[in-house]
């Protein structure tokens, strides 16, 4: 009985790994949401972010991305950020680490300010089919302008698509 369970588990793992084809030349598109803000101050009651990424595999396991994010908060604060990043897939198993640089324009109470925000991410790519994925991710955005109130730690969940041709 144990041999049957082992063979079944191995077959399941192999089917997941065969989808994890992070090869040079693939295109990537992602839409994601984040509303699970773990802010330093705890002053925000709610936050909703919507983002999108486009990317290209520049080498096996290396994805270059461009991204746009829109954020809304409970205190009539909103922001729009654009950025670029790089992602590395660890051992073709779906686990990845990433880094990006974002320019953010923050609007609040009729005022606005700009901020440059480096970011790091760690996540997992789970293939639902050969091209469609679900990607949960932890991230940290470091504000260079007001690190105490604008830096963020959070959880993001996205749906990704990996294509051979665009």
Foldseek 3Di string as FASTA:
>chain_A
DVVVVVVVVVVVQVVQLVLLFQAAQKKKKKKKKWWFWPALVPPFPIKIKIKMKIWGRHHRQKIKIKMWMWMATPQRKIKIKIWIKMKGDPPSNFKIKMKMKIWMWMDHPNDIDIWIWIKIKIWGWGDPDSFKTKIKMWMWIATPPCRRGPTTTTIMIMIMGIGNHD
